[in-house]
N, C-alpha and C. Protein backbone atom coordinates (compact mmCIF):
# COMPACT_ATOMS: atom_id res chain seq x y z
N MET A 1 -18.52 -46.72 -51.38
CA MET A 1 -19.06 -46.34 -50.97
C MET A 1 -20.37 -45.36 -50.98
N ALA A 2 -19.37 -44.27 -51.32
CA ALA A 2 -20.33 -43.17 -51.04
C ALA A 2 -20.98 -42.74 -52.59
N LYS A 3 -21.04 -44.01 -53.83
CA LYS A 3 -21.64 -44.07 -54.61
C LYS A 3 -23.05 -44.41 -54.39
N SER A 4 -23.24 -45.61 -53.68
CA SER A 4 -24.42 -46.57 -53.11
C SER A 4 -24.96 -45.61 -52.51
N LYS A 5 -24.24 -44.67 -51.41
CA LYS A 5 -25.52 -43.63 -50.73
C LYS A 5 -26.13 -42.95 -51.39
N GLY A 6 -25.78 -42.64 -52.71
CA GLY A 6 -26.27 -41.61 -53.12
C GLY A 6 -27.12 -41.73 -54.06
N SER A 7 -27.24 -43.52 -55.27
CA SER A 7 -28.52 -44.12 -55.58
C SER A 7 -29.62 -44.61 -54.41
N LEU A 8 -28.91 -44.38 -53.37
CA LEU A 8 -29.94 -45.17 -52.14
C LEU A 8 -30.84 -43.51 -52.23
N HIS A 9 -30.09 -42.72 -51.90
CA HIS A 9 -31.27 -41.54 -51.62
C HIS A 9 -31.80 -40.99 -52.87
N GLY A 10 -31.36 -41.84 -54.01
CA GLY A 10 -31.87 -41.06 -55.27
C GLY A 10 -33.40 -41.79 -54.74
N ARG A 11 -33.32 -43.26 -54.62
CA ARG A 11 -34.86 -43.85 -54.68
C ARG A 11 -35.56 -43.62 -53.77
N VAL A 12 -35.24 -43.33 -52.18
CA VAL A 12 -36.00 -43.05 -51.83
C VAL A 12 -36.79 -41.89 -51.94
N VAL A 13 -36.28 -40.89 -52.87
CA VAL A 13 -36.71 -39.60 -53.27
C VAL A 13 -37.48 -39.94 -54.17
N LEU A 14 -37.38 -41.03 -55.15
CA LEU A 14 -38.23 -41.47 -56.29
C LEU A 14 -39.41 -42.18 -55.24
N ILE A 15 -38.87 -42.65 -54.46
CA ILE A 15 -40.57 -43.71 -53.64
C ILE A 15 -40.77 -42.86 -53.38
N CYS A 16 -40.82 -41.65 -52.39
CA CYS A 16 -41.13 -40.58 -51.44
C CYS A 16 -42.14 -39.85 -52.68
N PHE A 17 -41.95 -39.33 -54.10
CA PHE A 17 -42.09 -38.90 -54.72
C PHE A 17 -43.68 -39.33 -55.30
N LEU A 18 -43.08 -40.76 -56.27
CA LEU A 18 -44.13 -41.48 -56.32
C LEU A 18 -45.42 -42.30 -55.15
N LEU A 19 -44.68 -42.04 -53.82
CA LEU A 19 -46.21 -42.31 -53.21
C LEU A 19 -47.41 -40.97 -52.75
N VAL A 20 -46.87 -39.92 -52.76
CA VAL A 20 -47.03 -38.49 -52.48
C VAL A 20 -47.94 -38.22 -54.01
N PHE A 21 -47.23 -38.69 -55.06
CA PHE A 21 -48.15 -38.50 -56.54
C PHE A 21 -49.73 -39.50 -56.55
N VAL A 22 -49.51 -40.73 -56.29
CA VAL A 22 -50.33 -41.06 -56.18
C VAL A 22 -51.54 -41.13 -54.72
N ALA A 23 -51.01 -40.89 -53.71
CA ALA A 23 -51.91 -39.95 -52.53
C ALA A 23 -52.90 -38.81 -53.23
N LEU A 24 -52.13 -37.85 -53.95
CA LEU A 24 -52.94 -36.61 -54.47
C LEU A 24 -53.66 -37.56 -55.69
N ALA A 25 -53.40 -38.38 -56.38
CA ALA A 25 -54.45 -39.06 -57.77
C ALA A 25 -55.59 -39.65 -56.57
N VAL A 26 -55.32 -39.93 -55.78
CA VAL A 26 -56.66 -40.83 -55.22
C VAL A 26 -57.37 -39.57 -54.53
N ILE A 27 -57.33 -38.49 -54.09
CA ILE A 27 -57.66 -37.32 -52.93
C ILE A 27 -58.29 -36.89 -54.31
N SER A 28 -57.93 -36.49 -55.82
CA SER A 28 -58.20 -36.18 -56.42
C SER A 28 -59.92 -36.48 -56.97
N VAL A 29 -59.91 -37.78 -57.44
CA VAL A 29 -60.60 -38.74 -57.56
C VAL A 29 -61.76 -38.71 -56.81
N TYR A 30 -61.29 -38.49 -55.48
CA TYR A 30 -62.59 -38.58 -54.45
C TYR A 30 -63.46 -37.56 -54.20
N LEU A 31 -62.74 -36.04 -54.27
CA LEU A 31 -63.03 -34.97 -54.69
C LEU A 31 -63.76 -34.74 -55.75
N LEU A 32 -63.64 -35.00 -56.57
CA LEU A 32 -64.19 -34.91 -58.18
C LEU A 32 -65.47 -35.76 -57.74
N ARG A 33 -65.54 -37.45 -57.73
CA ARG A 33 -66.93 -37.77 -57.00
C ARG A 33 -67.72 -37.30 -56.28
N SER A 34 -67.13 -36.58 -55.42
CA SER A 34 -67.91 -35.92 -54.39
C SER A 34 -68.99 -34.78 -55.09
N THR A 35 -67.59 -34.15 -55.50
CA THR A 35 -68.41 -32.90 -56.35
C THR A 35 -69.56 -32.87 -56.89
N GLU A 36 -69.19 -34.02 -58.06
CA GLU A 36 -70.33 -34.57 -59.07
C GLU A 36 -71.44 -34.84 -58.24
N ASP A 37 -71.22 -35.94 -57.07
CA ASP A 37 -72.50 -36.29 -56.42
C ASP A 37 -73.55 -34.90 -55.67
N TYR A 38 -72.68 -34.33 -55.36
CA TYR A 38 -73.27 -32.58 -54.47
C TYR A 38 -74.37 -32.24 -55.53
N GLN A 39 -73.36 -31.99 -57.06
CA GLN A 39 -73.89 -31.48 -57.88
C GLN A 39 -74.85 -32.04 -58.48
N ILE A 40 -74.91 -33.04 -58.80
CA ILE A 40 -76.31 -34.03 -58.85
C ILE A 40 -77.66 -33.99 -58.15
N GLY A 41 -77.78 -33.95 -57.21
CA GLY A 41 -78.37 -33.90 -55.54
C GLY A 41 -78.72 -32.56 -56.42
N VAL A 42 -78.08 -31.27 -56.48
CA VAL A 42 -78.59 -30.03 -56.09
C VAL A 42 -79.39 -30.21 -57.98
N VAL A 43 -79.49 -30.48 -58.67
CA VAL A 43 -80.38 -30.38 -60.47
C VAL A 43 -81.41 -31.46 -59.97
N GLN A 44 -81.06 -32.50 -59.20
CA GLN A 44 -82.40 -33.26 -58.98
C GLN A 44 -83.15 -32.21 -58.04
N GLU A 45 -83.10 -31.84 -56.96
CA GLU A 45 -83.63 -31.17 -55.89
C GLU A 45 -83.81 -29.74 -56.76
N ASN A 46 -83.98 -29.40 -57.76
CA ASN A 46 -83.79 -27.98 -58.59
C ASN A 46 -85.33 -28.79 -59.12
N ILE A 47 -85.50 -30.08 -59.67
CA ILE A 47 -86.27 -30.31 -60.86
C ILE A 47 -87.32 -31.08 -60.14
N GLU A 48 -87.41 -31.46 -58.99
CA GLU A 48 -87.94 -31.62 -58.47
C GLU A 48 -89.14 -30.45 -57.00
N LYS A 49 -88.44 -29.66 -56.70
CA LYS A 49 -89.27 -28.46 -56.52
C LYS A 49 -89.67 -27.74 -57.52
N THR A 50 -89.34 -27.90 -59.11
CA THR A 50 -89.65 -27.53 -60.07
C THR A 50 -91.03 -28.29 -60.71
N LEU A 51 -91.09 -29.49 -60.51
CA LEU A 51 -91.86 -30.09 -60.50
C LEU A 51 -93.29 -29.74 -59.53
N ALA A 52 -92.74 -29.44 -58.39
CA ALA A 52 -93.68 -29.19 -57.44
C ALA A 52 -94.24 -28.33 -57.79
N GLN A 53 -93.77 -27.37 -57.72
CA GLN A 53 -93.92 -25.60 -57.68
C GLN A 53 -95.01 -25.35 -59.21
N SER A 54 -94.42 -26.12 -59.84
CA SER A 54 -95.40 -25.63 -60.75
C SER A 54 -96.67 -26.56 -60.61
N GLY A 55 -97.15 -27.62 -60.43
CA GLY A 55 -97.80 -28.38 -60.27
C GLY A 55 -97.46 -29.55 -61.96
N LEU A 56 -96.77 -30.10 -62.33
CA LEU A 56 -96.89 -29.93 -64.09
C LEU A 56 -97.28 -31.66 -64.31
N LEU A 57 -96.78 -32.73 -62.94
CA LEU A 57 -97.25 -33.89 -63.06
C LEU A 57 -98.92 -34.03 -62.59
N ASP A 58 -99.73 -32.83 -61.94
CA ASP A 58 -100.97 -32.46 -61.85
C ASP A 58 -101.47 -32.71 -63.33
N LYS A 59 -101.27 -31.45 -63.27
CA LYS A 59 -101.65 -31.00 -64.98
C LYS A 59 -101.68 -31.96 -66.13
N LEU A 60 -100.79 -32.77 -65.66
CA LEU A 60 -100.50 -34.33 -67.21
C LEU A 60 -101.99 -34.86 -66.42
N SER A 61 -101.57 -34.93 -65.40
CA SER A 61 -102.54 -36.48 -65.29
C SER A 61 -103.71 -36.53 -65.78
N THR A 62 -104.26 -35.28 -65.68
CA THR A 62 -105.22 -34.76 -65.86
C THR A 62 -105.84 -35.28 -67.59
N LEU A 63 -104.86 -34.94 -68.11
CA LEU A 63 -105.12 -35.22 -69.83
C LEU A 63 -104.80 -36.61 -70.01
N ASP A 64 -105.36 -37.20 -71.77
CA ASP A 64 -104.67 -38.02 -72.29
C ASP A 64 -103.82 -37.93 -72.88
N ILE A 65 -103.05 -38.33 -72.55
CA ILE A 65 -101.49 -37.90 -73.57
C ILE A 65 -101.82 -38.11 -74.80
N GLU A 66 -102.14 -39.67 -75.23
CA GLU A 66 -102.04 -39.23 -76.62
C GLU A 66 -103.02 -39.19 -77.27
N GLU A 67 -103.87 -38.55 -77.00
CA GLU A 67 -105.28 -37.82 -77.52
C GLU A 67 -105.31 -36.28 -77.82
N ASN A 68 -103.95 -35.87 -77.12
CA ASN A 68 -103.53 -34.42 -76.58
C ASN A 68 -102.48 -33.79 -76.64
N ALA A 69 -101.59 -34.53 -77.48
CA ALA A 69 -100.26 -34.12 -77.35
C ALA A 69 -99.85 -32.70 -77.79
N GLU A 70 -100.77 -32.04 -78.28
CA GLU A 70 -100.69 -30.59 -78.24
C GLU A 70 -100.88 -29.82 -77.39
N ALA A 71 -101.91 -29.79 -76.41
CA ALA A 71 -101.87 -29.67 -75.31
C ALA A 71 -100.99 -29.85 -74.21
N THR A 72 -100.45 -31.38 -74.39
CA THR A 72 -99.51 -31.68 -73.17
C THR A 72 -98.45 -31.08 -73.65
N GLN A 73 -97.93 -30.15 -74.87
CA GLN A 73 -96.76 -29.89 -74.78
C GLN A 73 -97.08 -28.45 -74.53
N GLN A 74 -97.91 -27.47 -74.88
CA GLN A 74 -98.61 -26.37 -74.31
C GLN A 74 -98.31 -26.02 -72.40
N ILE A 75 -98.97 -27.03 -71.79
CA ILE A 75 -98.82 -27.32 -70.41
C ILE A 75 -97.25 -27.00 -69.81
N LEU A 76 -96.64 -28.11 -70.67
CA LEU A 76 -95.16 -28.48 -70.37
C LEU A 76 -94.13 -27.01 -70.97
N ASP A 77 -94.28 -26.81 -71.85
CA ASP A 77 -94.21 -24.81 -71.97
C ASP A 77 -94.47 -23.95 -71.43
N SER A 78 -95.80 -24.12 -70.75
CA SER A 78 -95.67 -23.09 -69.37
C SER A 78 -95.62 -23.75 -68.31
N SER A 79 -95.13 -24.84 -67.96
CA SER A 79 -94.87 -24.58 -66.62
C SER A 79 -93.47 -25.32 -66.16
N TRP A 80 -92.35 -25.29 -67.12
CA TRP A 80 -91.36 -26.07 -67.33
C TRP A 80 -89.82 -24.53 -67.47
N PRO A 81 -89.14 -24.08 -67.06
CA PRO A 81 -88.81 -22.70 -67.06
C PRO A 81 -87.32 -23.37 -68.05
N SER A 82 -87.51 -22.34 -69.15
CA SER A 82 -86.72 -22.37 -70.39
C SER A 82 -85.31 -22.59 -69.45
N GLY A 83 -84.41 -21.96 -68.51
CA GLY A 83 -83.59 -21.94 -68.07
C GLY A 83 -83.37 -22.78 -67.34
N LEU A 84 -84.07 -23.49 -66.69
CA LEU A 84 -83.44 -24.96 -66.29
C LEU A 84 -82.87 -25.18 -67.23
N ALA A 85 -81.58 -26.00 -66.62
CA ALA A 85 -80.25 -27.00 -67.80
C ALA A 85 -80.21 -28.71 -67.24
N ALA A 86 -82.04 -28.72 -67.93
CA ALA A 86 -82.32 -30.13 -67.76
C ALA A 86 -83.11 -30.32 -69.06
N ASP A 87 -83.39 -31.14 -69.96
CA ASP A 87 -84.74 -31.29 -70.89
C ASP A 87 -85.43 -31.99 -70.08
N ILE A 88 -87.04 -31.95 -70.32
CA ILE A 88 -88.05 -32.67 -69.90
C ILE A 88 -88.86 -33.35 -71.08
N SER A 89 -89.18 -34.31 -71.09
CA SER A 89 -89.79 -35.02 -71.77
C SER A 89 -91.06 -35.41 -71.29
N VAL A 90 -91.93 -36.18 -72.26
CA VAL A 90 -93.50 -36.61 -71.58
C VAL A 90 -93.79 -37.67 -72.57
N VAL A 91 -93.11 -38.76 -71.66
CA VAL A 91 -93.06 -40.36 -72.47
C VAL A 91 -94.79 -41.00 -72.51
N GLU A 92 -95.23 -41.41 -73.57
CA GLU A 92 -96.29 -42.24 -73.20
C GLU A 92 -96.01 -43.40 -73.03
N ARG A 93 -97.16 -44.52 -72.76
CA ARG A 93 -97.15 -45.28 -72.55
C ARG A 93 -96.02 -46.78 -73.97
N ASP A 94 -96.80 -46.26 -75.17
CA ASP A 94 -96.36 -46.52 -76.47
C ASP A 94 -94.79 -45.70 -76.38
N PHE A 95 -93.88 -45.65 -75.73
CA PHE A 95 -93.19 -45.49 -75.51
C PHE A 95 -92.49 -44.14 -76.11
N SER A 96 -93.16 -44.06 -76.70
CA SER A 96 -92.86 -42.61 -78.11
C SER A 96 -93.40 -40.95 -77.20
N ILE A 97 -92.38 -40.24 -77.53
CA ILE A 97 -92.13 -38.81 -76.81
C ILE A 97 -93.16 -37.76 -77.10
N ALA A 98 -94.57 -37.43 -76.16
CA ALA A 98 -95.85 -36.76 -76.28
C ALA A 98 -95.09 -35.06 -76.86
N ALA A 99 -94.79 -34.67 -75.78
CA ALA A 99 -93.95 -33.29 -75.47
C ALA A 99 -92.21 -33.18 -74.89
N SER A 100 -91.73 -32.55 -75.58
CA SER A 100 -90.56 -32.29 -74.49
C SER A 100 -89.95 -30.76 -75.00
N SER A 101 -89.00 -30.52 -73.67
CA SER A 101 -88.58 -29.46 -73.74
C SER A 101 -87.32 -28.93 -75.26
N ASN A 102 -86.94 -30.66 -75.02
CA ASN A 102 -85.90 -30.47 -76.67
C ASN A 102 -86.89 -30.65 -78.05
N LEU A 103 -87.45 -29.86 -78.72
CA LEU A 103 -87.92 -30.03 -79.70
C LEU A 103 -87.70 -31.02 -80.76
N TYR A 104 -86.50 -31.61 -80.78
CA TYR A 104 -85.75 -32.45 -81.44
C TYR A 104 -86.34 -34.27 -81.22
N TYR A 105 -86.92 -34.00 -79.85
CA TYR A 105 -87.30 -35.45 -79.01
C TYR A 105 -89.12 -36.11 -79.73
N ILE A 106 -89.75 -34.75 -79.56
CA ILE A 106 -91.20 -34.74 -79.78
C ILE A 106 -90.88 -36.10 -81.44
N GLY A 107 -92.02 -36.81 -80.84
CA GLY A 107 -92.70 -38.03 -82.05
C GLY A 107 -91.69 -39.44 -81.67
N LYS A 108 -89.98 -39.06 -81.17
CA LYS A 108 -89.31 -40.01 -81.33
C LYS A 108 -89.67 -41.14 -80.23
N SER A 109 -89.40 -42.31 -80.70
CA SER A 109 -89.26 -43.48 -79.47
C SER A 109 -88.11 -43.43 -78.71
N ALA A 110 -88.69 -43.18 -77.47
CA ALA A 110 -87.53 -42.90 -75.48
C ALA A 110 -86.95 -43.71 -75.85
N THR A 111 -86.73 -44.97 -76.46
CA THR A 111 -86.29 -46.02 -76.11
C THR A 111 -84.94 -45.70 -76.96
N ASP A 112 -85.08 -44.62 -77.72
CA ASP A 112 -83.80 -44.93 -78.52
C ASP A 112 -82.54 -43.60 -77.66
N ILE A 113 -83.94 -42.78 -77.10
CA ILE A 113 -83.54 -41.80 -76.35
C ILE A 113 -82.31 -41.96 -74.31
N PHE A 114 -84.10 -42.40 -73.99
CA PHE A 114 -83.62 -42.66 -72.42
C PHE A 114 -83.32 -44.38 -72.16
N ASP A 115 -83.36 -44.30 -70.55
CA ASP A 115 -83.02 -45.80 -70.01
C ASP A 115 -84.08 -46.33 -70.37
N THR A 116 -84.71 -47.24 -70.85
CA THR A 116 -85.56 -48.03 -71.07
C THR A 116 -85.93 -49.14 -70.12
N ASP A 117 -84.91 -48.92 -69.28
CA ASP A 117 -85.32 -50.18 -68.33
C ASP A 117 -85.92 -49.27 -67.08
N LEU A 118 -85.97 -48.10 -67.22
CA LEU A 118 -86.00 -46.99 -65.81
C LEU A 118 -87.47 -46.32 -67.12
N ILE A 119 -87.84 -46.54 -67.54
CA ILE A 119 -89.55 -45.74 -67.90
C ILE A 119 -90.31 -47.66 -67.95
N ILE A 120 -90.10 -48.60 -67.90
CA ILE A 120 -90.80 -49.92 -67.49
C ILE A 120 -90.51 -49.81 -66.38
N LYS A 121 -89.60 -49.79 -65.40
CA LYS A 121 -90.32 -49.15 -64.04
C LYS A 121 -91.21 -48.64 -63.60
N VAL A 122 -90.56 -47.22 -63.75
CA VAL A 122 -92.10 -46.17 -63.28
C VAL A 122 -93.49 -46.48 -63.85
N LEU A 123 -93.08 -46.99 -65.36
CA LEU A 123 -95.04 -47.01 -65.53
C LEU A 123 -95.71 -48.38 -65.10
N ARG A 124 -94.54 -49.34 -64.49
CA ARG A 124 -95.32 -50.91 -63.69
C ARG A 124 -95.45 -50.20 -62.51
N LYS A 125 -94.38 -49.57 -61.55
CA LYS A 125 -94.24 -49.30 -59.91
C LYS A 125 -95.24 -48.33 -59.91
N GLY A 126 -94.74 -47.21 -60.56
CA GLY A 126 -95.21 -45.82 -60.09
C GLY A 126 -94.57 -45.03 -59.71
N GLU A 127 -93.36 -45.44 -59.26
CA GLU A 127 -92.40 -45.20 -58.46
C GLU A 127 -91.34 -44.13 -59.10
N SER A 128 -90.29 -43.05 -58.25
CA SER A 128 -89.75 -42.70 -59.15
C SER A 128 -88.66 -42.94 -59.42
N GLY A 129 -87.44 -42.58 -60.67
CA GLY A 129 -86.10 -43.41 -60.13
C GLY A 129 -85.51 -42.63 -61.12
N VAL A 130 -84.26 -43.20 -60.75
CA VAL A 130 -83.08 -42.02 -61.71
C VAL A 130 -82.07 -43.32 -62.20
N SER A 131 -81.33 -43.02 -62.96
CA SER A 131 -80.45 -44.27 -63.49
C SER A 131 -79.05 -43.18 -64.55
N ASP A 132 -78.29 -43.80 -64.60
CA ASP A 132 -77.17 -43.12 -65.15
C ASP A 132 -77.03 -43.77 -66.89
N GLY A 133 -76.43 -42.79 -67.88
CA GLY A 133 -76.72 -43.03 -68.91
C GLY A 133 -75.72 -42.75 -69.51
N TYR A 134 -75.87 -42.94 -71.11
CA TYR A 134 -74.63 -41.93 -72.38
C TYR A 134 -75.13 -41.24 -73.29
N SER A 135 -75.07 -40.38 -73.71
CA SER A 135 -75.82 -40.12 -75.03
C SER A 135 -74.43 -39.60 -76.31
N GLY A 136 -74.07 -40.62 -76.43
CA GLY A 136 -72.67 -40.78 -77.34
C GLY A 136 -71.68 -40.98 -76.17
N GLU A 137 -70.62 -40.15 -76.01
CA GLU A 137 -69.49 -40.18 -75.13
C GLU A 137 -69.85 -39.34 -73.97
N VAL A 138 -70.89 -38.70 -74.03
CA VAL A 138 -71.36 -37.67 -72.79
C VAL A 138 -72.18 -38.47 -71.08
N ALA A 139 -71.44 -38.78 -70.19
CA ALA A 139 -72.81 -39.36 -69.09
C ALA A 139 -73.86 -38.35 -69.26
N ILE A 140 -75.18 -38.98 -68.75
CA ILE A 140 -76.22 -38.09 -68.38
C ILE A 140 -76.93 -38.88 -67.64
N LYS A 141 -78.13 -38.53 -66.49
CA LYS A 141 -78.58 -39.09 -65.60
C LYS A 141 -79.38 -38.80 -66.80
N ASN A 142 -80.76 -39.79 -66.05
CA ASN A 142 -82.07 -39.99 -66.29
C ASN A 142 -82.64 -39.85 -65.04
N PHE A 143 -84.13 -38.78 -64.88
CA PHE A 143 -84.36 -38.85 -63.34
C PHE A 143 -86.25 -39.16 -64.51
N CYS A 144 -86.96 -39.49 -64.03
CA CYS A 144 -88.12 -40.41 -64.36
C CYS A 144 -89.48 -40.12 -63.12
N TYR A 145 -90.65 -39.27 -63.43
CA TYR A 145 -91.47 -39.29 -62.11
C TYR A 145 -92.82 -40.10 -63.33
N ALA A 146 -93.50 -40.60 -62.57
CA ALA A 146 -94.85 -41.08 -63.32
C ALA A 146 -95.75 -40.21 -63.43
N ILE A 147 -96.96 -40.04 -63.80
CA ILE A 147 -97.83 -39.42 -64.28
C ILE A 147 -98.74 -40.01 -64.19
N GLU A 148 -99.62 -40.00 -63.49
CA GLU A 148 -100.98 -40.68 -62.50
C GLU A 148 -102.07 -40.32 -63.58
N SER A 149 -102.98 -41.25 -63.42
CA SER A 149 -104.40 -41.00 -64.16
C SER A 149 -105.15 -40.38 -63.18
N ALA A 150 -106.81 -40.31 -63.20
CA ALA A 150 -107.61 -40.30 -61.55
C ALA A 150 -107.76 -41.53 -61.37
N GLY A 151 -107.34 -42.08 -61.95
CA GLY A 151 -107.76 -44.29 -61.84
C GLY A 151 -106.49 -44.51 -60.81
N GLU A 152 -105.45 -43.63 -60.62
CA GLU A 152 -104.14 -43.94 -59.88
C GLU A 152 -103.38 -45.11 -61.22
N ASN A 153 -103.90 -45.19 -62.08
CA ASN A 153 -103.46 -45.79 -63.28
C ASN A 153 -101.90 -44.81 -63.84
N VAL A 154 -100.72 -45.51 -63.94
CA VAL A 154 -99.78 -44.53 -64.83
C VAL A 154 -99.99 -44.82 -65.99
N HIS A 155 -100.24 -43.40 -66.74
CA HIS A 155 -100.54 -43.04 -68.16
C HIS A 155 -99.69 -43.00 -68.84
N GLY A 156 -98.37 -42.26 -67.87
CA GLY A 156 -97.02 -41.57 -68.74
C GLY A 156 -95.73 -41.42 -67.62
N VAL A 157 -94.77 -41.11 -68.34
CA VAL A 157 -93.60 -40.92 -67.66
C VAL A 157 -93.34 -39.55 -68.12
């Protein structure tokens, strides 16, 4: 009889341990997701403040991006802080990257680097958007803002 009580006691301890372990795992996942959402919100807010303060979208709206890639790059370089931990690129309607804070992207197709569906949505509707994606195995966020010309047509993102 004493042997079965010890066996029952061991099972109860094991079950309690497993329940605590599962509860800690669930709480950890929740805390990680909450922290990630907060950090992404801060980054998005910083990007939007930087765009507003620099007037970058307004400056770009006055240019013909396709005809003035060099001027577009100069405006981007002078308006986008190098310390901000985010790359910014200017994408033309034909999906080529006219200018970028990451010089490797210039001249490449945005379809190879960014979320194509998001770019199409912003070009068609003129509304900003956000999407999740991957660069290799690294999770990334794509933030996309419309560059409107004087005629209110979107001529880049």
